[in-house]
Every structure is written in C-alpha cells, then in structure tokens.
Amino acid sequence: MYDSHAFIVSEAASHGMQVFDLKRLRNVLNPPETFLSDTHFTEFGRAHNIVINEDSGYAYIVGRRSSIYGGGPIFVNIQDPLNPIIEGGFAAGGYSHDAQVITYNWTRYRLYR
C-alpha cells in the first residue's frame, strides 16, 4: 500500500499490476460492491511479489521469469499512484524471487584529532 492505494500483482499470465484507490471504500452505500481497478499497468506480465518503499514512492516488482532485466527486479515510480512509470531495473543478479527494501538514514560525522 502507498498513498491510500493498493497495488496488486499476480503470477497469472499477463496480469501486470492493478492499482486501487482505497478512498473509494469510504462511501460504499450498498455492500457488497465489486470494484474495478483504477489503473491496470501492463508494462510487465506476471510477478510473484511487489515490494513498496513508502519513503521513496517506488515499487519493486520481483519474481518474474522474463527477458526484461533478466528476470531481476523492475523499479516502478508510483509517486503518482494512478500513473506508474518503469524507471529501471537490475539484471546483473538474474532472477529475484523476493525482496526487502530498506531506507538508510545516515549522518556524516567529522572526526577530529
């Protein structure tokens, strides 16, 4: 989840990524209701998992058997959740099944003698 949006991938062929604006759930008058995705991002096919860095607004698509980036992770800018953009990927490591995203916050210290 990022910015009140859910991002869904699947190992089903040609699934891509579905994006749902969860704010629509606030005004359901007559449940149950079936929702269609607000965006269906199809620039990749199937994926095992999606890892989202909420600090940066990037999603990492992993677990793909594809020639795109050698099956490695795809980096997707989701800062505008309804208009995702692939901004790169990492092929050197080959297939990546899962991932963990960590944001390091560091401060440079000056050493004095």
C-alpha atoms as a PDB file:
ATOM      1  CA  MET A   1       0.000   0.000   0.000  1.00  0.00           C
ATOM      2  CA  TYR A   2       1.132   3.528  -0.771  1.00  0.00           C
ATOM      3  CA  ASP A   3      -0.721   6.854  -0.537  1.00  0.00           C
ATOM      4  CA  SER A   4      -4.109   5.162   0.137  1.00  0.00           C
ATOM      5  CA  HIS A   5      -3.698   2.898  -2.895  1.00  0.00           C
ATOM      6  CA  ALA A   6      -3.405  -0.889  -3.079  1.00  0.00           C
ATOM      7  CA  PHE A   7      -1.057  -2.412  -5.662  1.00  0.00           C
ATOM      8  CA  ILE A   8      -1.748  -5.990  -6.741  1.00  0.00           C
ATOM      9  CA  VAL A   9       0.385  -8.339  -8.843  1.00  0.00           C
ATOM     10  CA  SER A  10      -0.185 -11.984  -9.685  1.00  0.00           C
ATOM     11  CA  GLU A  11       1.588 -14.949 -11.197  1.00  0.00           C
ATOM     12  CA  ALA A  12      -1.280 -15.256 -13.691  1.00  0.00           C
ATOM     13  CA  ALA A  13      -0.122 -14.730 -17.280  1.00  0.00           C
ATOM     14  CA  SER A  14      -0.226 -11.097 -18.472  1.00  0.00           C
ATOM     15  CA  HIS A  15      -1.649  -9.860 -15.143  1.00  0.00           C
ATOM     16  CA  GLY A  16       0.527  -6.779 -14.737  1.00  0.00           C
ATOM     17  CA  MET A  17      -0.250  -4.548 -11.752  1.00  0.00           C
ATOM     18  CA  GLN A  18      -3.685  -3.407 -10.674  1.00  0.00           C
ATOM     19  CA  VAL A  19      -3.973  -0.196  -8.659  1.00  0.00           C
ATOM     20  CA  PHE A  20      -6.994   0.524  -6.468  1.00  0.00           C
ATOM     21  CA  ASP A  21      -7.755   3.834  -4.773  1.00  0.00           C
ATOM     22  CA  LEU A  22      -8.852   2.693  -1.306  1.00  0.00           C
ATOM     23  CA  LYS A  23     -10.571   6.015  -0.565  1.00  0.00           C
ATOM     24  CA  ARG A  24     -13.463   4.707  -2.661  1.00  0.00           C
ATOM     25  CA  LEU A  25     -14.243   2.250   0.152  1.00  0.00           C
ATOM     26  CA  ARG A  26     -15.339   5.110   2.407  1.00  0.00           C
ATOM     27  CA  ASN A  27     -18.594   5.734   0.553  1.00  0.00           C
ATOM     28  CA  VAL A  28     -19.959   2.275  -0.179  1.00  0.00           C
ATOM     29  CA  LEU A  29     -23.701   2.665   0.260  1.00  0.00           C
ATOM     30  CA  ASN A  30     -24.864  -0.812  -0.604  1.00  0.00           C
ATOM     31  CA  PRO A  31     -22.263  -3.519   0.203  1.00  0.00           C
ATOM     32  CA  PRO A  32     -21.068  -5.803  -1.152  1.00  0.00           C
ATOM     33  CA  GLU A  33     -19.778  -3.888  -4.134  1.00  0.00           C
ATOM     34  CA  THR A  34     -17.412  -5.037  -6.877  1.00  0.00           C
ATOM     35  CA  PHE A  35     -14.644  -2.578  -7.692  1.00  0.00           C
ATOM     36  CA  LEU A  36     -12.686  -2.343 -10.911  1.00  0.00           C
ATOM     37  CA  SER A  37      -9.071  -1.213 -10.730  1.00  0.00           C
ATOM     38  CA  ASP A  38      -8.387   2.495 -11.132  1.00  0.00           C
ATOM     39  CA  THR A  39      -5.290   1.667 -13.187  1.00  0.00           C
ATOM     40  CA  HIS A  40      -4.170  -1.540 -14.876  1.00  0.00           C
ATOM     41  CA  PHE A  41      -0.432  -1.242 -15.513  1.00  0.00           C
ATOM     42  CA  THR A  42       0.552  -3.803 -18.152  1.00  0.00           C
ATOM     43  CA  GLU A  43       4.196  -2.965 -18.918  1.00  0.00           C
ATOM     44  CA  PHE A  44       5.217  -6.304 -17.416  1.00  0.00           C
ATOM     45  CA  GLY A  45       3.340  -9.605 -17.336  1.00  0.00           C
ATOM     46  CA  ARG A  46       3.270 -11.789 -14.258  1.00  0.00           C
ATOM     47  CA  ALA A  47       5.095 -11.295 -10.964  1.00  0.00           C
ATOM     48  CA  HIS A  48       5.421 -13.213  -7.708  1.00  0.00           C
ATOM     49  CA  ASN A  49       5.599 -10.182  -5.443  1.00  0.00           C
ATOM     50  CA  ILE A  50       5.691  -6.418  -5.166  1.00  0.00           C
ATOM     51  CA  VAL A  51       7.714  -4.592  -2.529  1.00  0.00           C
ATOM     52  CA  ILE A  52       6.895  -0.939  -1.868  1.00  0.00           C
ATOM     53  CA  ASN A  53       9.165   1.648  -0.288  1.00  0.00           C
ATOM     54  CA  GLU A  54       6.707   4.124   1.213  1.00  0.00           C
ATOM     55  CA  ASP A  55       9.512   6.606   1.955  1.00  0.00           C
ATOM     56  CA  SER A  56      10.522   6.971  -1.691  1.00  0.00           C
ATOM     57  CA  GLY A  57       7.316   6.095  -3.564  1.00  0.00           C
ATOM     58  CA  TYR A  58       8.922   3.249  -5.507  1.00  0.00           C
ATOM     59  CA  ALA A  59       7.649  -0.261  -6.087  1.00  0.00           C
ATOM     60  CA  TYR A  60       9.941  -3.177  -6.865  1.00  0.00           C
ATOM     61  CA  ILE A  61       8.400  -5.937  -8.986  1.00  0.00           C
ATOM     62  CA  VAL A  62      10.065  -9.317  -8.334  1.00  0.00           C
ATOM     63  CA  GLY A  63       9.605 -12.985  -9.113  1.00  0.00           C
ATOM     64  CA  ARG A  64       9.293 -12.663 -12.882  1.00  0.00           C
ATOM     65  CA  ARG A  65      10.566 -15.122 -15.453  1.00  0.00           C
ATOM     66  CA  SER A  66      11.169 -12.674 -18.254  1.00  0.00           C
ATOM     67  CA  SER A  67      13.881 -11.337 -20.516  1.00  0.00           C
ATOM     68  CA  ILE A  68      13.167  -7.817 -19.209  1.00  0.00           C
ATOM     69  CA  TYR A  69      16.060  -7.064 -16.843  1.00  0.00           C
ATOM     70  CA  GLY A  70      16.967 -10.752 -16.918  1.00  0.00           C
ATOM     71  CA  GLY A  71      14.172 -11.631 -14.508  1.00  0.00           C
ATOM     72  CA  GLY A  72      15.594  -9.227 -11.936  1.00  0.00           C
ATOM     73  CA  PRO A  73      13.561  -6.571 -10.133  1.00  0.00           C
ATOM     74  CA  ILE A  74      11.830  -3.776 -12.024  1.00  0.00           C
ATOM     75  CA  PHE A  75      11.840  -0.318 -10.408  1.00  0.00           C
ATOM     76  CA  VAL A  76       8.487   1.465 -10.757  1.00  0.00           C
ATOM     77  CA  ASN A  77       7.884   5.070  -9.705  1.00  0.00           C
ATOM     78  CA  ILE A  78       4.446   5.116  -8.015  1.00  0.00           C
ATOM     79  CA  GLN A  79       4.628   8.642  -6.594  1.00  0.00           C
ATOM     80  CA  ASP A  80       1.607   9.347  -8.784  1.00  0.00           C
ATOM     81  CA  PRO A  81      -0.198   6.052  -7.990  1.00  0.00           C
ATOM     82  CA  LEU A  82      -2.540   6.148 -10.972  1.00  0.00           C
ATOM     83  CA  ASN A  83       0.308   6.799 -13.429  1.00  0.00           C
ATOM     84  CA  PRO A  84       3.126   4.364 -12.599  1.00  0.00           C
ATOM     85  CA  ILE A  85       6.345   4.611 -14.622  1.00  0.00           C
ATOM     86  CA  ILE A  86       9.077   1.999 -15.029  1.00  0.00           C
ATOM     87  CA  GLU A  87      12.333   3.806 -14.295  1.00  0.00           C
ATOM     88  CA  GLY A  88      14.760   0.926 -14.458  1.00  0.00           C
ATOM     89  CA  GLY A  89      15.640  -2.486 -13.172  1.00  0.00           C
ATOM     90  CA  PHE A  90      18.516  -4.710 -12.112  1.00  0.00           C
ATOM     91  CA  ALA A  91      19.590  -7.509 -14.427  1.00  0.00           C
ATOM     92  CA  ALA A  92      23.088  -8.291 -13.104  1.00  0.00           C
ATOM     93  CA  GLY A  93      21.824 -10.566 -10.323  1.00  0.00           C
ATOM     94  CA  GLY A  94      19.475 -12.545 -12.560  1.00  0.00           C
ATOM     95  CA  TYR A  95      16.145 -13.839 -11.295  1.00  0.00           C
ATOM     96  CA  SER A  96      14.984 -12.345  -7.965  1.00  0.00           C
ATOM     97  CA  HIS A  97      12.129 -14.119  -6.211  1.00  0.00           C
ATOM     98  CA  ASP A  98      11.534 -11.777  -3.256  1.00  0.00           C
ATOM     99  CA  ALA A  99      12.998  -8.551  -1.897  1.00  0.00           C
ATOM    100  CA  GLN A 100      13.267  -6.357   1.146  1.00  0.00           C
ATOM    101  CA  VAL A 101      13.590  -2.591   0.803  1.00  0.00           C
ATOM    102  CA  ILE A 102      15.438  -0.631   3.449  1.00  0.00           C
ATOM    103  CA  THR A 103      15.948   3.118   3.625  1.00  0.00           C
ATOM    104  CA  TYR A 104      19.149   4.125   5.356  1.00  0.00           C
ATOM    105  CA  ASN A 105      19.227   7.499   7.078  1.00  0.00           C
ATOM    106  CA  TRP A 106      22.763   8.463   7.969  1.00  0.00           C
ATOM    107  CA  THR A 107      24.659  11.457   9.139  1.00  0.00           C
ATOM    108  CA  ARG A 108      28.209  12.206   8.164  1.00  0.00           C
ATOM    109  CA  TYR A 109      30.382  12.755  11.211  1.00  0.00           C
ATOM    110  CA  ARG A 110      33.618  14.674  11.082  1.00  0.00           C
ATOM    111  CA  LEU A 111      36.405  13.037  13.008  1.00  0.00           C
ATOM    112  CA  TYR A 112      38.681  15.353  14.948  1.00  0.00           C
ATOM    113  CA  ARG A 113      42.140  14.521  16.239  1.00  0.00           C
END
